[in-house]
Amino acid sequence: VQLQAFGGGLVQPGGSLRLSCAASGDISGINNMGWHRRALGKQLEVVAIITTGGATVYADSVKGRFTISKDNAKNAIYLQMNNLNVEDTAVYYCKAPGPRWGQGTQVTVSS
């Protein structure tokens, strides 16, 4: 399956964005899909993971602000990001085990 991420952009601190990751095939059986990010000069980090059963895991830095979801009917996963801060500025990637990566989408939080 191929992944394509989109939805990034420029947002002010405290704002929201919703990232989408569209898959080219059926993702209903793919466990542990998720979102990762890489900030400039920093290592890639896991942001959020979702299992086939809908269980979720979040990085401590985004707990309570970000929500990952999955729509098997649309073969897509999403990342709702609320109360964004400048430390969330990064390139965000969706990922499936394999690994399979979508192209990154830039999120910039700035006033």
Protein backbone atom coordinates (compact mmCIF):
# COMPACT_ATOMS: atom_id res chain seq x y z
CA VAL A 1 0.00 0.00 0.00
CA GLN A 2 1.19 3.51 -0.79
CA LEU A 3 0.55 6.39 1.56
CA GLN A 4 -0.01 10.05 0.81
CA ALA A 5 -0.11 12.63 3.56
CA PHE A 6 -1.56 16.11 3.27
CA GLY A 7 -3.12 18.86 5.33
CA GLY A 8 -0.09 20.65 6.70
CA GLY A 9 0.33 24.38 6.66
CA LEU A 10 1.07 27.50 8.63
CA VAL A 11 -0.92 28.08 11.79
CA GLN A 12 -0.64 30.44 14.75
CA PRO A 13 0.10 29.14 18.25
CA GLY A 14 -3.07 27.79 19.77
CA GLY A 15 -4.51 26.92 16.40
CA SER A 16 -5.56 23.61 14.90
CA LEU A 17 -4.80 21.51 11.86
CA ARG A 18 -6.02 18.17 10.63
CA LEU A 19 -3.62 15.93 8.76
CA SER A 20 -4.87 13.20 6.49
CA CYS A 21 -3.10 10.14 5.14
CA ALA A 22 -4.72 8.40 2.21
CA ALA A 23 -3.74 4.81 1.44
CA SER A 24 -3.86 3.21 -1.97
CA GLY A 25 -5.36 -0.01 -0.63
CA ASP A 26 -7.22 -1.67 2.19
CA ILE A 27 -5.82 -0.70 5.57
CA SER A 28 -8.35 -2.48 7.75
CA GLY A 29 -5.89 -5.25 8.55
CA ILE A 30 -2.84 -3.06 9.01
CA ASN A 31 -1.92 -2.74 12.66
CA ASN A 32 0.00 0.11 14.22
CA MET A 33 -0.38 2.76 11.56
CA GLY A 34 0.63 6.15 12.75
CA TRP A 35 2.17 9.55 12.48
CA HIS A 36 5.78 10.53 13.01
CA ARG A 37 7.48 13.88 12.80
CA ARG A 38 10.92 15.34 12.33
CA ALA A 39 11.70 18.84 13.47
CA LEU A 40 14.64 20.69 11.96
CA GLY A 41 17.85 19.42 13.54
CA LYS A 42 16.06 16.77 15.59
CA GLN A 43 15.48 13.06 15.32
CA LEU A 44 12.39 11.46 13.95
CA GLU A 45 9.87 10.84 16.70
CA VAL A 46 6.66 8.90 17.03
CA VAL A 47 3.65 11.16 17.46
CA ALA A 48 0.72 8.76 17.56
CA ILE A 49 -0.09 5.14 16.73
CA ILE A 50 -3.43 3.43 16.20
CA THR A 51 -4.07 -0.30 16.21
CA THR A 52 -6.56 -2.26 14.16
CA GLY A 53 -8.73 -2.38 17.25
CA GLY A 54 -8.67 1.37 17.62
CA ALA A 55 -6.33 1.56 20.59
CA THR A 56 -4.12 4.63 20.50
CA VAL A 57 -0.73 5.63 21.84
CA TYR A 58 0.60 9.17 21.94
CA ALA A 59 3.88 10.86 22.60
CA ASP A 60 3.79 12.60 25.96
CA SER A 61 4.33 15.94 24.26
CA VAL A 62 1.04 15.72 22.34
CA LYS A 63 -1.24 13.91 24.79
CA GLY A 64 -4.48 15.77 25.28
CA ARG A 65 -3.91 17.91 22.19
CA PHE A 66 -3.64 15.48 19.29
CA THR A 67 -6.07 12.75 18.27
CA ILE A 68 -5.33 9.98 15.80
CA SER A 69 -8.18 8.23 14.04
CA LYS A 70 -8.70 5.71 11.30
CA ASP A 71 -11.42 5.29 8.71
CA ASN A 72 -11.19 1.85 7.15
CA ALA A 73 -13.98 2.62 4.69
CA LYS A 74 -11.95 5.49 3.29
CA ASN A 75 -8.56 3.78 3.70
CA ALA A 76 -7.29 6.76 5.62
CA ILE A 77 -5.87 7.82 8.93
CA TYR A 78 -6.04 11.28 10.40
CA LEU A 79 -4.29 13.41 12.98
CA GLN A 80 -6.34 16.16 14.56
CA MET A 81 -3.94 18.63 16.15
CA ASN A 82 -5.30 21.21 18.57
CA ASN A 83 -3.65 23.88 20.69
CA LEU A 84 -0.57 23.78 18.52
CA ASN A 85 2.63 25.35 19.76
CA VAL A 86 5.91 26.26 18.10
CA GLU A 87 7.50 23.01 19.28
CA ASP A 88 5.06 21.14 17.03
CA THR A 89 6.69 22.63 13.95
CA ALA A 90 7.99 19.71 11.92
CA VAL A 91 7.53 17.60 8.85
CA TYR A 92 4.86 15.02 9.62
CA TYR A 93 4.87 11.57 8.04
CA CYS A 94 2.30 8.83 8.08
CA LYS A 95 3.64 5.32 8.39
CA ALA A 96 2.52 1.74 8.13
CA PRO A 97 4.54 -1.29 9.18
CA GLY A 98 7.00 -2.55 6.58
CA PRO A 99 7.87 0.19 6.83
CA ARG A 100 5.87 2.15 4.37
CA TRP A 101 6.06 5.92 4.54
CA GLY A 102 3.98 8.66 3.05
CA GLN A 103 5.67 11.80 1.84
CA GLY A 104 5.95 14.41 4.54
CA THR A 105 3.69 17.35 5.06
CA GLN A 106 5.09 20.48 6.66
CA VAL A 107 3.43 21.91 9.75
CA THR A 108 4.66 25.32 10.83
CA VAL A 109 3.40 26.95 14.00
CA SER A 110 4.35 30.59 14.14
CA SER A 111 2.92 33.95 15.03
